[in-house]
Every structure is written in structure tokens, then in C-alpha cells.
């Protein structure tokens, strides 16, 4: 996320640079609740402005699942390829016309000194493939086909993905908000 927010008037650090800060467990209610919970925890621990995100994949044929539970889809402790396999098994037999999917990302911004909290969202539409494609990215990227570029997210270069992804969209919106406020 730090690279996607380049140009904001702050020194950006990752959570790994702040030892001892514990994030709350993610819940099942919404991306906003999860992102705000994480940003509030960091802001409270540091007294500084904090950003956090939550994201997931939503598959129409699965009624929008896994959504907010994307990182835990299929059960705790599964690897990314194992979660993709669970999804492929659940989608077995679903025709291409019914495989619409989207990635959604929500970035939360908490500024304790000003009493400000806001969220910014990014969404990218695509199609769920029936077999993984590509070796890049993470999570469900090998299953998510992005029609405008004719590739799965796992086939895109980091630069291409940082131009079109849900997280990039949310970060651009967060960056614009930050620049308008500070």
C-alpha cells in the first residue's frame, strides 16, 4: 500500500516497522469494519494517522461469497492455492456466462489528532476462470481474469496491476482525500 500512496505529505511506514502493535481479528460484517478496526488500533497505539485496508473477491454465482471472508475461505490455515482449489470445486459446472466476479478493496484512514475517520473503496470487475493462469500476484489472482487486458491478475506485471487493481483504485482515492485534507 505504501507504494500506491506515493506523494502524500507523510512519512509512510509499514506495520512491520512498528513492533508490538497487535491488530484486532477480522470479523465477518464488512470490509469497512475490518479496515477501520485495524486503522484504529494502529492510530491508538501510535497517536498518528493510520491507514489500513481489507479486500476480497466476490463471485456472483456464489451469491457474493467469499467476500469479506476471502482470506479464510474454505477454512482456517489453507494456502492461497488451496483456497483457489476450494473455489474451483464449488464453481465446477458453472458456465462462463455466470462466472462474473469482482475484487473489492476498502482503505480506512484514521487521524486521531483531528478526529477524522473515512474510507475509500475500489472495485474491479472480471470473470472467474476455470483453471489458474499465471505465476504472479497472490490469493485469487490466478483465477481472476481481467477482460480489458485479456489476462488474469496473476499474469499482469506489478506495474499493470498497480494501475488497474481494486487496491490501487482505493489507494488513489485515499491519496486524493489525504491531499485535500493535509
Protein backbone atom coordinates (compact mmCIF):
# COMPACT_ATOMS: atom_id res chain seq x y z
CA UNK A 1 0.00 0.00 0.00
CA UNK A 2 2.91 2.37 0.68
CA UNK A 3 3.97 2.37 -2.99
CA UNK A 4 0.40 3.10 -4.10
CA UNK A 5 0.25 6.19 -1.85
CA UNK A 6 3.43 7.79 -3.17
CA UNK A 7 3.40 11.56 -2.97
CA UNK A 8 1.39 12.03 0.22
CA UNK A 9 2.93 14.54 2.64
CA UNK A 10 3.73 11.95 5.31
CA UNK A 11 6.49 9.53 6.11
CA UNK A 12 4.91 6.17 5.42
CA UNK A 13 5.85 3.06 7.40
CA UNK A 14 4.58 -0.49 7.32
CA UNK A 15 3.13 -2.30 10.30
CA UNK A 16 6.27 -4.47 10.30
CA UNK A 17 8.18 -1.29 11.23
CA UNK A 18 6.04 -0.93 14.37
CA UNK A 19 6.78 -3.92 16.61
CA UNK A 20 4.36 -4.70 19.38
CA UNK A 21 1.21 -3.42 17.70
CA UNK A 22 -1.48 -6.06 17.57
CA UNK A 23 -4.34 -5.80 15.11
CA UNK A 24 -7.83 -6.92 16.06
CA UNK A 25 -9.11 -10.10 14.42
CA UNK A 26 -11.11 -9.56 11.26
CA UNK A 27 -14.84 -10.08 11.60
CA UNK A 28 -17.50 -11.14 9.19
CA UNK A 29 -19.59 -7.98 8.98
CA UNK A 30 -17.91 -5.75 6.38
CA UNK A 31 -14.70 -4.66 4.71
CA UNK A 32 -15.18 -1.22 6.30
CA UNK A 33 -15.43 -2.64 9.84
CA UNK A 34 -12.29 -4.72 9.32
CA UNK A 35 -10.26 -1.90 7.77
CA UNK A 36 -11.40 0.67 10.34
CA UNK A 37 -10.67 -1.73 13.20
CA UNK A 38 -7.10 -2.18 12.01
CA UNK A 39 -6.54 1.54 11.34
CA UNK A 40 -8.00 2.49 14.74
CA UNK A 41 -5.72 0.00 16.51
CA UNK A 42 -2.61 1.45 14.86
CA UNK A 43 -3.74 5.06 15.37
CA UNK A 44 -4.43 4.39 19.04
CA UNK A 45 -1.07 2.71 19.55
CA UNK A 46 0.94 5.41 17.76
CA UNK A 47 -1.16 8.55 18.16
CA UNK A 48 -0.57 9.14 14.45
CA UNK A 49 -2.62 8.95 11.28
CA UNK A 50 -3.09 5.35 10.19
CA UNK A 51 -4.32 3.60 7.07
CA UNK A 52 -5.43 0.01 6.73
CA UNK A 53 -7.25 -2.00 4.13
CA UNK A 54 -9.45 -5.02 3.76
CA UNK A 55 -10.29 -6.68 0.50
CA UNK A 56 -11.81 -9.75 -1.02
CA UNK A 57 -13.23 -11.42 -4.07
CA UNK A 58 -16.97 -11.58 -4.68
CA UNK A 59 -18.33 -14.22 -7.06
CA UNK A 60 -21.85 -13.74 -8.40
CA UNK A 61 -22.55 -17.48 -8.82
CA UNK A 62 -21.65 -17.94 -5.14
CA UNK A 63 -24.04 -15.22 -4.01
CA UNK A 64 -21.14 -12.78 -3.50
CA UNK A 65 -19.05 -15.19 -1.48
CA UNK A 66 -16.39 -15.40 -0.23
CA UNK A 67 -16.36 -11.58 0.11
CA UNK A 68 -15.18 -10.40 3.50
CA UNK A 69 -14.22 -13.99 4.33
CA UNK A 70 -11.87 -14.37 1.32
CA UNK A 71 -8.74 -14.88 3.45
CA UNK A 72 -10.49 -17.62 5.42
CA UNK A 73 -12.48 -19.21 2.59
CA UNK A 74 -12.56 -22.98 2.85
CA UNK A 75 -11.30 -22.96 6.46
CA UNK A 76 -8.50 -21.54 8.54
CA UNK A 77 -4.92 -22.36 7.61
CA UNK A 78 -5.39 -23.02 3.89
CA UNK A 79 -2.79 -21.70 1.46
CA UNK A 80 -3.73 -19.46 -1.45
CA UNK A 81 -3.61 -22.37 -3.94
CA UNK A 82 -5.78 -24.46 -1.59
CA UNK A 83 -8.38 -21.68 -1.34
CA UNK A 84 -8.37 -21.38 -5.13
CA UNK A 85 -8.96 -25.13 -5.38
CA UNK A 86 -11.93 -24.90 -2.98
CA UNK A 87 -13.38 -22.14 -5.14
CA UNK A 88 -12.81 -24.10 -8.36
CA UNK A 89 -14.54 -27.13 -6.85
CA UNK A 90 -17.51 -25.00 -5.78
CA UNK A 91 -17.68 -23.41 -9.24
CA UNK A 92 -17.41 -26.71 -11.11
CA UNK A 93 -20.02 -26.83 -13.85
CA UNK A 94 -20.85 -23.11 -13.71
CA UNK A 95 -20.89 -21.86 -17.33
CA UNK A 96 -18.67 -18.95 -18.44
CA UNK A 97 -21.65 -16.58 -18.71
CA UNK A 98 -22.31 -16.98 -14.97
CA UNK A 99 -18.74 -16.54 -13.72
CA UNK A 100 -18.76 -12.78 -13.12
CA UNK A 101 -16.61 -11.75 -10.17
CA UNK A 102 -15.07 -8.66 -8.69
CA UNK A 103 -12.28 -7.72 -6.35
CA UNK A 104 -13.22 -5.09 -3.76
CA UNK A 105 -10.85 -3.16 -1.52
CA UNK A 106 -11.60 -0.68 1.21
CA UNK A 107 -8.94 1.63 2.64
CA UNK A 108 -9.66 3.17 6.04
CA UNK A 109 -7.98 6.37 7.20
CA UNK A 110 -7.98 7.31 10.88
CA UNK A 111 -6.49 10.58 12.11
CA UNK A 112 -6.80 10.77 15.91
CA UNK A 113 -5.39 14.30 16.16
CA UNK A 114 -8.20 15.68 14.03
CA UNK A 115 -10.88 13.17 15.00
CA UNK A 116 -11.24 12.09 11.36
CA UNK A 117 -12.21 8.70 10.04
CA UNK A 118 -13.08 7.87 6.45
CA UNK A 119 -12.98 5.03 3.98
CA UNK A 120 -12.31 4.85 0.26
CA UNK A 121 -13.28 1.94 -1.99
CA UNK A 122 -12.00 0.39 -5.18
CA UNK A 123 -13.73 -2.28 -7.27
CA UNK A 124 -12.54 -4.10 -10.38
CA UNK A 125 -14.83 -6.35 -12.43
CA UNK A 126 -13.73 -9.58 -14.06
CA UNK A 127 -14.52 -13.21 -14.70
CA UNK A 128 -13.58 -16.28 -12.68
CA UNK A 129 -11.51 -18.71 -14.74
CA UNK A 130 -12.00 -22.48 -14.55
CA UNK A 131 -8.24 -23.11 -14.23
CA UNK A 132 -5.49 -20.96 -12.68
CA UNK A 133 -3.39 -18.84 -15.05
CA UNK A 134 -0.13 -17.06 -14.28
CA UNK A 135 2.51 -17.21 -11.60
CA UNK A 136 2.42 -13.67 -10.22
CA UNK A 137 0.27 -11.95 -7.65
CA UNK A 138 -1.27 -13.72 -4.70
CA UNK A 139 -4.58 -15.00 -3.39
CA UNK A 140 -7.17 -15.44 -6.11
CA UNK A 141 -5.16 -13.59 -8.79
CA UNK A 142 -4.62 -16.77 -10.88
CA UNK A 143 -8.41 -17.26 -11.11
CA UNK A 144 -9.39 -13.64 -11.78
CA UNK A 145 -9.48 -12.79 -15.49
CA UNK A 146 -9.46 -9.08 -16.31
CA UNK A 147 -11.11 -8.65 -19.75
CA UNK A 148 -9.76 -5.16 -20.59
CA UNK A 149 -6.19 -6.53 -20.57
CA UNK A 150 -7.03 -10.10 -21.63
CA UNK A 151 -5.09 -11.65 -18.74
CA UNK A 152 -5.53 -12.98 -15.25
CA UNK A 153 -4.29 -10.76 -12.44
CA UNK A 154 -1.51 -13.33 -11.89
CA UNK A 155 -0.33 -12.76 -15.49
CA UNK A 156 -0.10 -8.96 -15.12
CA UNK A 157 3.14 -7.23 -14.26
CA UNK A 158 3.22 -5.46 -10.90
CA UNK A 159 3.07 -2.14 -12.74
CA UNK A 160 -0.02 -3.17 -14.73
CA UNK A 161 -1.76 -4.49 -11.65
CA UNK A 162 -0.93 -1.30 -9.72
CA UNK A 163 -2.70 0.69 -12.43
CA UNK A 164 -5.96 -1.27 -12.54
CA UNK A 165 -6.46 -3.22 -9.32
CA UNK A 166 -9.11 -2.66 -6.69
CA UNK A 167 -6.43 -1.82 -4.13
CA UNK A 168 -4.84 0.70 -6.50
CA UNK A 169 -8.22 2.36 -7.04
CA UNK A 170 -8.90 2.56 -3.30
CA UNK A 171 -5.40 3.90 -2.63
CA UNK A 172 -5.73 6.55 -5.35
CA UNK A 173 -8.99 7.69 -3.74
CA UNK A 174 -7.35 7.67 -0.28
CA UNK A 175 -4.37 9.61 -1.62
CA UNK A 176 -6.68 12.25 -3.15
CA UNK A 177 -8.56 12.58 0.15
CA UNK A 178 -5.33 12.91 2.12
CA UNK A 179 -4.02 15.57 -0.24
CA UNK A 180 -7.28 17.51 0.08
CA UNK A 181 -7.17 17.41 3.90
CA UNK A 182 -3.49 17.96 4.72
